[in-house]
């Protein structure tokens, strides 16, 4: 029996049947790894990637809190997000500004110099193009 040394100290197969058995075992382990990876979200894994999930993201909270330096802290939470970051595009006084949620669906954005009384909208948009908009008025 011939041996070669690598970090696992693997024994080399001597004949074709041993080699076939090792290849079969490797293939089965690969299939097992793929099945374990997909087991948590099998419906999503086998779904048509061009079909968006049901429903749009929902902005369940969107608030504006004045800070001590004369700015505003905008924060919110998006439900029904895709598990990755969701784009948040602002409108109204902050038209053209944007941020993203974290993987849990939360976002925070700091605004400096915005006057009291203006309205800001937040639109959550998924990678599939579904969206939802909420608004808040900056009030002292």
Protein backbone atom coordinates (compact mmCIF):
# COMPACT_ATOMS: atom_id res chain seq x y z
CA UNK A 1 0.00 0.00 0.00
CA UNK A 2 1.43 3.37 -1.02
CA UNK A 3 0.89 6.43 1.11
CA UNK A 4 1.46 10.10 0.52
CA UNK A 5 1.31 12.77 3.15
CA UNK A 6 -0.70 15.95 3.12
CA UNK A 7 -2.38 17.67 6.02
CA UNK A 8 -4.97 14.84 6.26
CA UNK A 9 -2.54 11.89 5.77
CA UNK A 10 -4.79 10.23 3.17
CA UNK A 11 -4.13 6.71 1.90
CA UNK A 12 -3.94 6.35 -1.90
CA UNK A 13 -6.27 3.86 -3.56
CA UNK A 14 -4.44 0.84 -5.02
CA UNK A 15 -6.91 -0.34 -7.61
CA UNK A 16 -9.83 0.83 -9.73
CA UNK A 17 -12.52 -0.45 -7.35
CA UNK A 18 -11.01 1.46 -4.41
CA UNK A 19 -10.76 4.58 -6.56
CA UNK A 20 -14.39 4.21 -7.64
CA UNK A 21 -15.46 3.79 -4.01
CA UNK A 22 -13.60 6.98 -2.98
CA UNK A 23 -15.18 8.90 -5.86
CA UNK A 24 -18.63 7.63 -4.91
CA UNK A 25 -18.08 8.61 -1.29
CA UNK A 26 -16.91 12.08 -2.35
CA UNK A 27 -19.98 12.52 -4.54
CA UNK A 28 -22.31 11.44 -1.73
CA UNK A 29 -20.66 13.86 0.69
CA UNK A 30 -21.07 16.68 -1.84
CA UNK A 31 -24.77 15.88 -2.25
CA UNK A 32 -25.19 15.77 1.54
CA UNK A 33 -23.52 19.18 1.91
CA UNK A 34 -25.81 20.71 -0.72
CA UNK A 35 -28.91 19.21 0.93
CA UNK A 36 -27.89 20.55 4.33
CA UNK A 37 -27.26 23.99 2.87
CA UNK A 38 -30.68 24.11 1.20
CA UNK A 39 -32.68 22.52 4.01
CA UNK A 40 -33.38 25.77 5.85
CA UNK A 41 -34.98 27.52 2.86
CA UNK A 42 -35.87 24.83 0.34
CA UNK A 43 -38.92 26.67 -1.03
CA UNK A 44 -36.83 29.72 -1.83
CA UNK A 45 -33.91 27.64 -3.14
CA UNK A 46 -36.01 25.84 -5.74
CA UNK A 47 -38.28 28.76 -6.65
CA UNK A 48 -38.02 30.50 -10.00
CA UNK A 49 -35.45 33.28 -9.42
CA UNK A 50 -37.45 35.60 -11.68
CA UNK A 51 -40.61 35.32 -9.58
CA UNK A 52 -40.75 37.91 -6.79
CA UNK A 53 -41.86 36.83 -3.32
CA UNK A 54 -45.45 37.49 -2.34
CA UNK A 55 -46.11 41.02 -1.08
CA UNK A 56 -44.08 44.16 -0.82
CA UNK A 57 -41.79 45.03 2.06
CA UNK A 58 -43.65 46.80 4.85
CA UNK A 59 -42.17 49.77 6.69
CA UNK A 60 -43.49 48.98 10.18
CA UNK A 61 -41.89 52.01 11.82
CA UNK A 62 -40.44 55.28 10.54
CA UNK A 63 -39.54 58.04 13.01
CA UNK A 64 -37.66 61.35 13.05
CA UNK A 65 -36.06 62.41 16.32
CA UNK A 66 -34.25 65.76 16.70
CA UNK A 67 -30.72 65.44 18.06
CA UNK A 68 -28.86 67.88 20.29
CA UNK A 69 -26.69 69.23 17.44
CA UNK A 70 -29.59 70.55 15.35
CA UNK A 71 -29.94 67.50 13.13
CA UNK A 72 -32.43 64.69 12.84
CA UNK A 73 -32.12 60.95 13.33
CA UNK A 74 -34.38 59.06 10.94
CA UNK A 75 -34.86 55.42 11.79
CA UNK A 76 -37.18 52.61 10.88
CA UNK A 77 -37.81 48.95 10.44
CA UNK A 78 -38.81 47.01 7.33
CA UNK A 79 -40.73 43.74 7.66
CA UNK A 80 -40.96 41.17 4.87
CA UNK A 81 -37.51 42.02 3.66
CA UNK A 82 -35.49 39.48 1.68
CA UNK A 83 -33.04 38.65 4.44
CA UNK A 84 -30.44 40.88 2.87
CA UNK A 85 -30.29 44.64 2.88
CA UNK A 86 -33.30 46.47 1.44
CA UNK A 87 -32.86 49.80 -0.34
CA UNK A 88 -34.42 52.81 1.38
CA UNK A 89 -34.90 55.82 -0.90
CA UNK A 90 -35.93 59.09 0.67
CA UNK A 91 -38.23 61.65 -0.90
CA UNK A 92 -39.75 64.97 0.01
CA UNK A 93 -37.16 67.22 1.66
CA UNK A 94 -34.50 64.47 1.29
CA UNK A 95 -35.24 63.63 -2.34
CA UNK A 96 -32.30 61.79 -3.88
CA UNK A 97 -30.83 60.53 -0.58
CA UNK A 98 -30.77 56.83 0.26
CA UNK A 99 -29.55 54.17 2.66
CA UNK A 100 -30.02 50.44 3.17
CA UNK A 101 -31.34 48.25 5.96
CA UNK A 102 -29.16 45.87 7.87
CA UNK A 103 -29.84 42.13 7.50
CA UNK A 104 -32.48 42.31 10.25
CA UNK A 105 -34.44 45.05 8.45
CA UNK A 106 -33.44 48.16 10.48
CA UNK A 107 -32.16 51.45 9.06
CA UNK A 108 -30.86 54.73 10.47
CA UNK A 109 -30.03 57.95 8.62
CA UNK A 110 -28.66 61.23 10.02
CA UNK A 111 -29.80 64.58 8.59
CA UNK A 112 -28.13 67.88 9.46
CA UNK A 113 -29.69 71.28 8.90
CA UNK A 114 -33.21 70.19 7.93
CA UNK A 115 -35.84 72.68 9.10
CA UNK A 116 -38.75 71.70 11.31
CA UNK A 117 -42.05 71.21 9.51
CA UNK A 118 -40.80 69.51 6.33
CA UNK A 119 -41.97 66.06 5.27
CA UNK A 120 -39.67 63.16 4.46
CA UNK A 121 -40.79 59.95 2.76
CA UNK A 122 -39.03 56.59 2.89
CA UNK A 123 -39.57 53.97 0.20
CA UNK A 124 -38.37 50.42 0.86
CA UNK A 125 -37.62 48.57 -2.36
CA UNK A 126 -36.60 44.90 -2.61
CA UNK A 127 -34.29 43.41 -5.23
CA UNK A 128 -37.48 42.22 -6.98
CA UNK A 129 -38.80 45.78 -7.36
CA UNK A 130 -41.65 45.53 -4.85
CA UNK A 131 -41.89 48.62 -2.66
CA UNK A 132 -43.72 50.40 0.15
CA UNK A 133 -43.63 54.09 1.17
CA UNK A 134 -44.18 55.82 4.51
CA UNK A 135 -43.74 59.46 5.47
CA UNK A 136 -42.85 61.46 8.58
CA UNK A 137 -42.98 65.19 9.33
CA UNK A 138 -39.94 66.68 11.05
CA UNK A 139 -41.44 68.45 14.06
CA UNK A 140 -39.70 69.98 17.07
